[in-house]
């Protein structure tokens, strides 16, 4: 019997609960799949490299200052609604512990003290850089970051597809 995926319009708590249950019940089977295991391993490395590049370019510091001093908006409340259950499942397979409450009423459900709690992020969260950031960095300064982001997104899409097909067959 196929696993029913929680609809995108569901509240974030329902999606987290589904992902956690699926991780507990099907995670071991998913992790034994060599394709899934390989993609997760590569995603961990690429995701870390992306975050390292964000730190080296100073973007993490710029975003933190904007969030703390100017109220931010990029990681504002509601962004979490873009996440689907499978994306949260991927995070569960990567060992991410999901929060059961919003840390701040104004912020994304997944925004922690040190940035995003998720290892596999939505395309909007990976790709978006505000005008403030892009105005302070030239395209050539951002090229390495953009290449890493592209690789990260490609791996996420491949994982999403593979896991979705596996769940449909279960």
N, C-alpha and C. Protein backbone atom coordinates (compact mmCIF):
# COMPACT_ATOMS: atom_id res chain seq x y z
N UNK A 1 0.84 -1.18 0.00
CA UNK A 1 0.00 0.00 0.00
C UNK A 1 0.89 1.25 0.00
N UNK A 2 0.64 2.16 -0.89
CA UNK A 2 1.45 3.38 -1.02
C UNK A 2 1.25 4.30 0.19
N UNK A 3 2.30 5.04 0.51
CA UNK A 3 2.26 6.01 1.60
C UNK A 3 1.58 7.27 1.08
N UNK A 4 0.58 7.75 1.80
CA UNK A 4 -0.12 8.97 1.42
C UNK A 4 0.70 10.17 1.89
N UNK A 5 1.00 11.05 0.98
CA UNK A 5 1.78 12.25 1.30
C UNK A 5 0.82 13.34 1.75
N UNK A 6 1.19 14.03 2.82
CA UNK A 6 0.38 15.11 3.34
C UNK A 6 0.35 16.27 2.33
N UNK A 7 -0.83 16.81 2.04
CA UNK A 7 -0.95 17.88 1.04
C UNK A 7 -0.19 19.15 1.44
N UNK A 8 0.27 19.89 0.43
CA UNK A 8 1.00 21.14 0.64
C UNK A 8 0.20 22.13 1.47
N UNK A 9 -1.10 22.16 1.31
CA UNK A 9 -1.94 23.13 2.02
C UNK A 9 -2.12 22.80 3.50
N UNK A 10 -1.64 21.64 3.93
CA UNK A 10 -1.77 21.25 5.33
C UNK A 10 -0.95 22.17 6.23
N UNK A 11 -1.38 22.31 7.48
CA UNK A 11 -0.58 23.10 8.43
C UNK A 11 0.81 22.48 8.63
N UNK A 12 1.77 23.31 8.96
CA UNK A 12 3.15 22.85 9.09
C UNK A 12 3.28 21.74 10.14
N UNK A 13 2.51 21.82 11.21
CA UNK A 13 2.56 20.77 12.23
C UNK A 13 2.18 19.41 11.68
N UNK A 14 1.20 19.38 10.78
CA UNK A 14 0.80 18.12 10.16
C UNK A 14 1.90 17.58 9.26
N UNK A 15 2.57 18.47 8.54
CA UNK A 15 3.65 18.04 7.65
C UNK A 15 4.83 17.51 8.47
N UNK A 16 5.15 18.18 9.57
CA UNK A 16 6.24 17.72 10.43
C UNK A 16 5.88 16.37 11.03
N UNK A 17 4.66 16.21 11.51
CA UNK A 17 4.23 14.95 12.10
C UNK A 17 4.31 13.82 11.07
N UNK A 18 3.86 14.10 9.83
CA UNK A 18 3.93 13.09 8.77
C UNK A 18 5.38 12.71 8.50
N UNK A 19 6.24 13.72 8.36
CA UNK A 19 7.65 13.45 8.05
C UNK A 19 8.32 12.66 9.18
N UNK A 20 8.02 13.01 10.41
CA UNK A 20 8.60 12.29 11.53
C UNK A 20 8.12 10.84 11.57
N UNK A 21 6.84 10.64 11.36
CA UNK A 21 6.29 9.28 11.35
C UNK A 21 6.89 8.47 10.21
N UNK A 22 6.99 9.09 9.05
CA UNK A 22 7.56 8.41 7.89
C UNK A 22 9.04 8.10 8.11
N UNK A 23 9.76 9.00 8.73
CA UNK A 23 11.17 8.75 9.04
C UNK A 23 11.29 7.55 9.97
N UNK A 24 10.45 7.52 10.99
CA UNK A 24 10.48 6.41 11.94
C UNK A 24 10.08 5.08 11.30
N UNK A 25 9.04 5.10 10.49
CA UNK A 25 8.50 3.86 9.92
C UNK A 25 9.19 3.40 8.64
N UNK A 26 9.67 4.34 7.84
CA UNK A 26 10.23 3.99 6.53
C UNK A 26 11.67 4.45 6.34
N UNK A 27 12.18 5.21 7.29
CA UNK A 27 13.50 5.79 7.14
C UNK A 27 14.60 4.78 6.91
N UNK A 28 14.59 3.71 7.67
CA UNK A 28 15.64 2.69 7.53
C UNK A 28 15.63 2.08 6.13
N UNK A 29 14.43 1.80 5.64
CA UNK A 29 14.30 1.25 4.30
C UNK A 29 14.79 2.24 3.25
N UNK A 30 14.42 3.49 3.40
CA UNK A 30 14.87 4.52 2.46
C UNK A 30 16.39 4.67 2.51
N UNK A 31 16.97 4.64 3.70
CA UNK A 31 18.42 4.81 3.84
C UNK A 31 19.21 3.62 3.30
N UNK A 32 18.58 2.47 3.21
CA UNK A 32 19.25 1.29 2.65
C UNK A 32 19.33 1.34 1.14
N UNK A 33 18.52 2.19 0.54
CA UNK A 33 18.57 2.33 -0.92
C UNK A 33 19.87 3.03 -1.29
N UNK A 34 20.71 2.40 -2.11
CA UNK A 34 22.01 3.01 -2.43
C UNK A 34 21.92 4.36 -3.12
N UNK A 35 20.88 4.56 -3.91
CA UNK A 35 20.72 5.85 -4.60
C UNK A 35 20.40 6.93 -3.56
N UNK A 36 19.43 6.66 -2.69
CA UNK A 36 19.06 7.63 -1.66
C UNK A 36 20.25 7.91 -0.75
N UNK A 37 20.92 6.85 -0.30
CA UNK A 37 22.07 7.03 0.59
C UNK A 37 23.16 7.87 -0.06
N UNK A 38 23.44 7.61 -1.31
CA UNK A 38 24.47 8.37 -2.02
C UNK A 38 24.09 9.83 -2.21
N UNK A 39 22.83 10.06 -2.57
CA UNK A 39 22.38 11.44 -2.76
C UNK A 39 22.37 12.21 -1.44
N UNK A 40 21.96 11.55 -0.36
CA UNK A 40 21.96 12.21 0.96
C UNK A 40 23.38 12.57 1.38
N UNK A 41 24.32 11.66 1.14
CA UNK A 41 25.72 11.92 1.50
C UNK A 41 26.27 13.11 0.72
N UNK A 42 25.98 13.14 -0.57
CA UNK A 42 26.44 14.26 -1.39
C UNK A 42 25.77 15.56 -0.98
N UNK A 43 24.46 15.48 -0.66
CA UNK A 43 23.73 16.68 -0.25
C UNK A 43 24.30 17.25 1.04
N UNK A 44 24.65 16.40 1.98
CA UNK A 44 25.24 16.90 3.23
C UNK A 44 26.51 17.69 2.95
N UNK A 45 27.35 17.17 2.06
CA UNK A 45 28.61 17.84 1.73
C UNK A 45 28.37 19.15 1.00
N UNK A 46 27.49 19.12 0.02
CA UNK A 46 27.22 20.32 -0.78
C UNK A 46 26.51 21.38 0.06
N UNK A 47 25.57 20.96 0.88
CA UNK A 47 24.87 21.90 1.76
C UNK A 47 25.85 22.58 2.71
N UNK A 48 26.77 21.81 3.26
CA UNK A 48 27.80 22.38 4.14
C UNK A 48 28.68 23.35 3.37
N UNK A 49 29.03 23.00 2.15
CA UNK A 49 29.86 23.88 1.33
C UNK A 49 29.13 25.19 1.00
N UNK A 50 27.83 25.10 0.75
CA UNK A 50 27.04 26.30 0.47
C UNK A 50 27.03 27.21 1.70
N UNK A 51 26.78 26.62 2.85
CA UNK A 51 26.76 27.43 4.09
C UNK A 51 28.13 28.03 4.40
N UNK A 52 29.17 27.29 4.10
CA UNK A 52 30.53 27.81 4.30
C UNK A 52 30.77 29.00 3.38
N UNK A 53 30.31 28.89 2.15
CA UNK A 53 30.46 30.00 1.20
C UNK A 53 29.66 31.22 1.65
N UNK A 54 28.46 30.98 2.18
CA UNK A 54 27.65 32.08 2.71
C UNK A 54 28.38 32.78 3.86
N UNK A 55 29.06 32.02 4.67
CA UNK A 55 29.82 32.60 5.79
C UNK A 55 31.03 33.37 5.27
N UNK A 56 31.76 32.76 4.33
CA UNK A 56 32.97 33.41 3.80
C UNK A 56 32.68 34.71 3.07
N UNK A 57 31.54 34.78 2.41
CA UNK A 57 31.19 36.01 1.69
C UNK A 57 30.61 37.08 2.61
N UNK A 58 30.30 36.68 3.86
CA UNK A 58 29.73 37.62 4.82
C UNK A 58 28.22 37.70 4.75
N UNK A 59 27.60 36.89 3.90
CA UNK A 59 26.16 36.96 3.72
C UNK A 59 25.42 36.52 4.98
N UNK A 60 25.92 35.50 5.65
CA UNK A 60 25.27 35.05 6.89
C UNK A 60 25.23 36.19 7.90
N UNK A 61 26.33 36.90 8.03
CA UNK A 61 26.38 38.02 8.97
C UNK A 61 25.43 39.14 8.55
N UNK A 62 25.37 39.40 7.25
CA UNK A 62 24.46 40.43 6.75
C UNK A 62 23.01 40.06 7.04
N UNK A 63 22.67 38.80 6.82
CA UNK A 63 21.29 38.34 7.06
C UNK A 63 20.96 38.39 8.55
N UNK A 64 21.90 37.98 9.39
CA UNK A 64 21.66 38.02 10.84
C UNK A 64 21.45 39.46 11.31
N UNK A 65 22.28 40.37 10.83
CA UNK A 65 22.15 41.78 11.21
C UNK A 65 20.79 42.32 10.76
N UNK A 66 20.38 41.99 9.55
CA UNK A 66 19.09 42.44 9.04
C UNK A 66 17.96 41.89 9.91
N UNK A 67 18.02 40.62 10.24
CA UNK A 67 16.97 39.97 11.04
C UNK A 67 16.90 40.59 12.43
N UNK A 68 18.06 40.79 13.06
CA UNK A 68 18.09 41.26 14.44
C UNK A 68 17.89 42.77 14.58
N UNK A 69 18.43 43.54 13.63
CA UNK A 69 18.42 44.99 13.76
C UNK A 69 17.30 45.67 12.96
N UNK A 70 16.88 45.02 11.88
CA UNK A 70 15.90 45.66 11.00
C UNK A 70 14.59 44.88 10.88
N UNK A 71 14.48 43.79 11.61
CA UNK A 71 13.25 43.01 11.57
C UNK A 71 13.18 41.99 10.47
N UNK A 72 14.17 41.97 9.57
CA UNK A 72 14.22 40.98 8.50
C UNK A 72 12.90 40.81 7.77
N UNK A 73 12.86 39.90 6.84
CA UNK A 73 11.62 39.52 6.18
C UNK A 73 11.84 38.28 5.32
N UNK A 74 13.06 38.03 4.94
CA UNK A 74 13.35 36.88 4.06
C UNK A 74 12.94 35.57 4.72
N UNK A 75 13.22 35.44 5.99
CA UNK A 75 12.89 34.22 6.74
C UNK A 75 11.70 34.51 7.66
N UNK A 76 10.71 35.19 7.11
CA UNK A 76 9.55 35.60 7.89
C UNK A 76 8.52 34.48 8.05
N UNK A 77 7.62 34.69 8.97
CA UNK A 77 6.54 33.74 9.23
C UNK A 77 5.78 33.46 7.94
N UNK A 78 5.51 32.21 7.68
CA UNK A 78 4.77 31.81 6.49
C UNK A 78 5.63 31.14 5.44
N UNK A 79 6.92 31.41 5.44
CA UNK A 79 7.82 30.77 4.47
C UNK A 79 7.74 29.25 4.62
N UNK A 80 7.59 28.77 5.85
CA UNK A 80 7.55 27.33 6.10
C UNK A 80 6.39 26.64 5.38
N UNK A 81 5.38 27.40 5.00
CA UNK A 81 4.23 26.80 4.31
C UNK A 81 4.59 26.32 2.91
N UNK A 82 5.70 26.74 2.38
CA UNK A 82 6.16 26.29 1.07
C UNK A 82 6.73 24.87 1.12
N UNK A 83 7.06 24.42 2.33
CA UNK A 83 7.67 23.10 2.48
C UNK A 83 6.64 22.00 2.41
N UNK A 84 6.99 20.95 1.70
CA UNK A 84 6.15 19.77 1.59
C UNK A 84 6.69 18.69 2.51
N UNK A 85 5.86 17.70 2.76
CA UNK A 85 6.24 16.61 3.64
C UNK A 85 7.50 15.89 3.21
N UNK A 86 7.66 15.64 1.92
CA UNK A 86 8.84 14.90 1.46
C UNK A 86 10.11 15.69 1.74
N UNK A 87 10.07 17.00 1.59
CA UNK A 87 11.25 17.82 1.90
C UNK A 87 11.60 17.70 3.38
N UNK A 88 10.59 17.69 4.22
CA UNK A 88 10.83 17.54 5.66
C UNK A 88 11.31 16.13 5.97
N UNK A 89 10.82 15.14 5.23
CA UNK A 89 11.30 13.77 5.37
C UNK A 89 12.78 13.70 5.01
N UNK A 90 13.17 14.34 3.94
CA UNK A 90 14.59 14.37 3.56
C UNK A 90 15.42 14.93 4.72
N UNK A 91 14.93 15.99 5.34
CA UNK A 91 15.64 16.55 6.49
C UNK A 91 15.70 15.56 7.63
N UNK A 92 14.62 14.83 7.86
CA UNK A 92 14.62 13.80 8.90
C UNK A 92 15.66 12.73 8.62
N UNK A 93 15.77 12.33 7.36
CA UNK A 93 16.78 11.34 6.97
C UNK A 93 18.20 11.87 7.17
N UNK A 94 18.34 13.18 7.12
CA UNK A 94 19.64 13.82 7.36
C UNK A 94 19.88 14.06 8.85
N UNK A 95 18.94 13.65 9.69
CA UNK A 95 19.11 13.77 11.13
C UNK A 95 18.64 15.07 11.73
N UNK A 96 17.93 15.89 10.95
CA UNK A 96 17.44 17.17 11.46
C UNK A 96 16.27 16.91 12.41
N UNK A 97 16.33 17.52 13.57
CA UNK A 97 15.24 17.46 14.54
C UNK A 97 14.33 18.66 14.29
N UNK A 98 13.09 18.37 13.97
CA UNK A 98 12.13 19.43 13.66
C UNK A 98 11.63 20.11 14.93
N UNK A 99 11.46 21.41 14.88
CA UNK A 99 10.88 22.11 16.03
C UNK A 99 9.38 21.82 16.12
N UNK A 100 8.84 21.85 17.31
CA UNK A 100 7.39 21.65 17.49
C UNK A 100 6.69 22.96 17.82
N UNK A 101 7.44 24.05 17.77
CA UNK A 101 6.83 25.36 17.95
C UNK A 101 7.66 26.38 17.20
N UNK A 102 7.05 27.49 16.91
CA UNK A 102 7.72 28.58 16.18
C UNK A 102 8.60 29.34 17.18
N UNK A 103 9.89 29.50 16.88
CA UNK A 103 10.77 30.20 17.83
C UNK A 103 10.41 31.67 18.03
N UNK A 104 9.86 32.28 17.00
CA UNK A 104 9.49 33.68 17.07
C UNK A 104 8.25 33.88 16.21
N UNK A 105 7.27 34.66 16.68
CA UNK A 105 6.03 34.83 15.90
C UNK A 105 6.26 35.47 14.53
N UNK A 106 7.34 36.23 14.38
CA UNK A 106 7.59 36.93 13.12
C UNK A 106 8.45 36.13 12.14
N UNK A 107 9.02 35.03 12.59
CA UNK A 107 10.01 34.32 11.79
C UNK A 107 9.50 32.98 11.27
N UNK A 108 10.20 32.49 10.26
CA UNK A 108 9.93 31.16 9.73
C UNK A 108 10.03 30.14 10.85
N UNK A 109 9.22 29.14 10.75
CA UNK A 109 9.17 28.06 11.73
C UNK A 109 10.55 27.41 11.90
N UNK A 110 11.35 27.41 10.84
CA UNK A 110 12.63 26.70 10.84
C UNK A 110 13.84 27.61 11.05
N UNK A 111 13.61 28.87 11.41
CA UNK A 111 14.72 29.79 11.66
C UNK A 111 15.16 29.66 13.11
N UNK A 112 16.38 29.19 13.31
CA UNK A 112 16.94 29.04 14.65
C UNK A 112 17.91 30.16 14.96
N UNK A 113 18.56 30.07 16.10
CA UNK A 113 19.52 31.09 16.52
C UNK A 113 20.68 31.24 15.55
N UNK A 114 21.05 30.14 14.88
CA UNK A 114 22.18 30.16 13.96
C UNK A 114 21.75 29.98 12.51
N UNK A 115 20.57 30.48 12.19
CA UNK A 115 20.09 30.38 10.82
C UNK A 115 19.10 29.24 10.65
N UNK A 116 18.97 28.78 9.43
CA UNK A 116 17.99 27.75 9.10
C UNK A 116 18.36 26.43 9.75
N UNK A 117 17.37 25.79 10.35
CA UNK A 117 17.57 24.49 10.99
C UNK A 117 17.62 23.35 9.97
N UNK A 118 17.11 23.60 8.77
CA UNK A 118 17.01 22.56 7.76
C UNK A 118 18.30 22.40 6.98
N UNK A 119 18.59 21.16 6.59
CA UNK A 119 19.75 20.87 5.74
C UNK A 119 19.33 20.88 4.26
N UNK A 120 18.12 20.40 4.00
CA UNK A 120 17.57 20.43 2.65
C UNK A 120 16.50 21.52 2.65
N UNK A 121 16.75 22.58 1.87
CA UNK A 121 15.87 23.74 1.90
C UNK A 121 15.12 23.91 0.59
N UNK A 122 14.01 24.60 0.68
CA UNK A 122 13.18 24.93 -0.47
C UNK A 122 14.00 25.79 -1.45
N UNK A 123 13.68 25.69 -2.72
CA UNK A 123 14.40 26.44 -3.75
C UNK A 123 14.42 27.94 -3.45
N UNK A 124 13.31 28.47 -2.96
CA UNK A 124 13.26 29.89 -2.62
C UNK A 124 14.29 30.23 -1.54
N UNK A 125 14.39 29.37 -0.55
CA UNK A 125 15.32 29.62 0.56
C UNK A 125 16.77 29.48 0.13
N UNK A 126 17.03 28.61 -0.82
CA UNK A 126 18.40 28.42 -1.31
C UNK A 126 18.79 29.57 -2.22
N UNK A 127 17.94 29.92 -3.15
CA UNK A 127 18.28 30.85 -4.22
C UNK A 127 18.14 32.33 -3.91
N UNK A 128 17.23 32.69 -3.02
CA UNK A 128 16.90 34.10 -2.85
C UNK A 128 17.99 34.87 -2.13
N UNK A 129 18.41 35.96 -2.73
CA UNK A 129 19.27 36.95 -2.10
C UNK A 129 18.61 38.31 -2.34
N UNK A 130 18.41 39.05 -1.27
CA UNK A 130 17.73 40.34 -1.39
C UNK A 130 18.62 41.36 -2.11
N UNK A 131 18.01 42.49 -2.47
CA UNK A 131 18.74 43.56 -3.16
C UNK A 131 19.88 44.09 -2.31
N UNK A 132 19.69 44.11 -1.01
CA UNK A 132 20.73 44.59 -0.10
C UNK A 132 22.00 43.75 -0.27
N UNK A 133 21.83 42.43 -0.29
CA UNK A 133 22.97 41.52 -0.43
C UNK A 133 23.55 41.60 -1.83
N UNK A 134 22.70 41.52 -2.85
CA UNK A 134 23.23 41.54 -4.21
C UNK A 134 23.84 42.89 -4.56
N UNK A 135 23.40 43.95 -3.89
CA UNK A 135 24.00 45.26 -4.11
C UNK A 135 25.39 45.41 -3.50
N UNK A 136 25.70 44.58 -2.54
CA UNK A 136 27.01 44.64 -1.87
C UNK A 136 28.02 43.67 -2.46
N UNK A 137 27.56 42.78 -3.33
CA UNK A 137 28.44 41.78 -3.90
C UNK A 137 28.29 41.78 -5.42
N UNK A 138 29.39 41.67 -6.12
CA UNK A 138 29.34 41.61 -7.57
C UNK A 138 28.93 40.20 -8.00
N UNK A 139 28.43 40.08 -9.22
CA UNK A 139 28.08 38.74 -9.72
C UNK A 139 29.27 37.77 -9.65
N UNK A 140 30.46 38.26 -9.93
CA UNK A 140 31.62 37.36 -9.87
C UNK A 140 31.90 36.92 -8.44
N UNK A 141 31.63 37.78 -7.45
CA UNK A 141 31.80 37.39 -6.06
C UNK A 141 30.79 36.32 -5.65
N UNK A 142 29.63 36.33 -6.28
CA UNK A 142 28.56 35.40 -5.95
C UNK A 142 28.58 34.13 -6.81
N UNK A 143 29.44 34.07 -7.81
CA UNK A 143 29.44 32.95 -8.76
C UNK A 143 29.69 31.61 -8.08
N UNK A 144 30.65 31.55 -7.18
CA UNK A 144 30.94 30.29 -6.49
C UNK A 144 29.75 29.85 -5.67
N UNK A 145 29.14 30.79 -4.96
CA UNK A 145 27.95 30.47 -4.17
C UNK A 145 26.84 29.96 -5.06
N UNK A 146 26.59 30.64 -6.16
CA UNK A 146 25.50 30.24 -7.06
C UNK A 146 25.73 28.84 -7.63
N UNK A 147 26.97 28.50 -7.95
CA UNK A 147 27.28 27.16 -8.45
C UNK A 147 27.00 26.10 -7.40
N UNK A 148 27.37 26.38 -6.16
CA UNK A 148 27.11 25.43 -5.07
C UNK A 148 25.61 25.30 -4.82
N UNK A 149 24.90 26.41 -4.88
CA UNK A 149 23.44 26.37 -4.70
C UNK A 149 22.79 25.52 -5.80
N UNK A 150 23.28 25.67 -7.02
CA UNK A 150 22.73 24.88 -8.13
C UNK A 150 22.92 23.39 -7.91
N UNK A 151 24.10 23.02 -7.45
CA UNK A 151 24.36 21.60 -7.17
C UNK A 151 23.48 21.10 -6.03
N UNK A 152 23.31 21.93 -5.01
CA UNK A 152 22.45 21.59 -3.87
C UNK A 152 21.02 21.34 -4.34
N UNK A 153 20.51 22.23 -5.16
CA UNK A 153 19.14 22.09 -5.65
C UNK A 153 18.96 20.87 -6.55
N UNK A 154 19.96 20.59 -7.37
CA UNK A 154 19.89 19.41 -8.22
C UNK A 154 19.79 18.14 -7.38
N UNK A 155 20.58 18.05 -6.33
CA UNK A 155 20.54 16.88 -5.46
C UNK A 155 19.19 16.76 -4.74
N UNK A 156 18.66 17.89 -4.30
CA UNK A 156 17.35 17.89 -3.63
C UNK A 156 16.27 17.39 -4.58
N UNK A 157 16.28 17.86 -5.81
CA UNK A 157 15.28 17.43 -6.80
C UNK A 157 15.40 15.93 -7.05
N UNK A 158 16.61 15.44 -7.19
CA UNK A 158 16.81 14.01 -7.43
C UNK A 158 16.36 13.18 -6.23
N UNK A 159 16.66 13.65 -5.02
CA UNK A 159 16.21 12.96 -3.81
C UNK A 159 14.69 12.96 -3.71
N UNK A 160 14.12 14.11 -3.93
CA UNK A 160 12.67 14.26 -3.86
C UNK A 160 11.99 13.27 -4.81
N UNK A 161 12.50 13.19 -6.03
CA UNK A 161 11.94 12.30 -7.03
C UNK A 161 12.10 10.84 -6.62
N UNK A 162 13.28 10.46 -6.20
CA UNK A 162 13.55 9.07 -5.82
C UNK A 162 12.71 8.65 -4.61
N UNK A 163 12.68 9.48 -3.59
CA UNK A 163 11.93 9.15 -2.39
C UNK A 163 10.43 9.13 -2.69
N UNK A 164 9.96 10.07 -3.47
CA UNK A 164 8.55 10.10 -3.84
C UNK A 164 8.14 8.81 -4.55
N UNK A 165 8.95 8.34 -5.47
CA UNK A 165 8.67 7.10 -6.18
C UNK A 165 8.71 5.90 -5.24
N UNK A 166 9.67 5.89 -4.33
CA UNK A 166 9.76 4.78 -3.38
C UNK A 166 8.55 4.75 -2.46
N UNK A 167 8.14 5.90 -1.99
CA UNK A 167 6.98 5.95 -1.10
C UNK A 167 5.71 5.52 -1.82
N UNK A 168 5.58 5.91 -3.07
CA UNK A 168 4.40 5.53 -3.85
C UNK A 168 4.32 4.02 -4.04
N UNK A 169 5.48 3.36 -4.06
CA UNK A 169 5.52 1.91 -4.26
C UNK A 169 5.38 1.14 -2.95
N UNK A 170 5.48 1.82 -1.81
CA UNK A 170 5.43 1.13 -0.51
C UNK A 170 4.01 0.88 -0.06
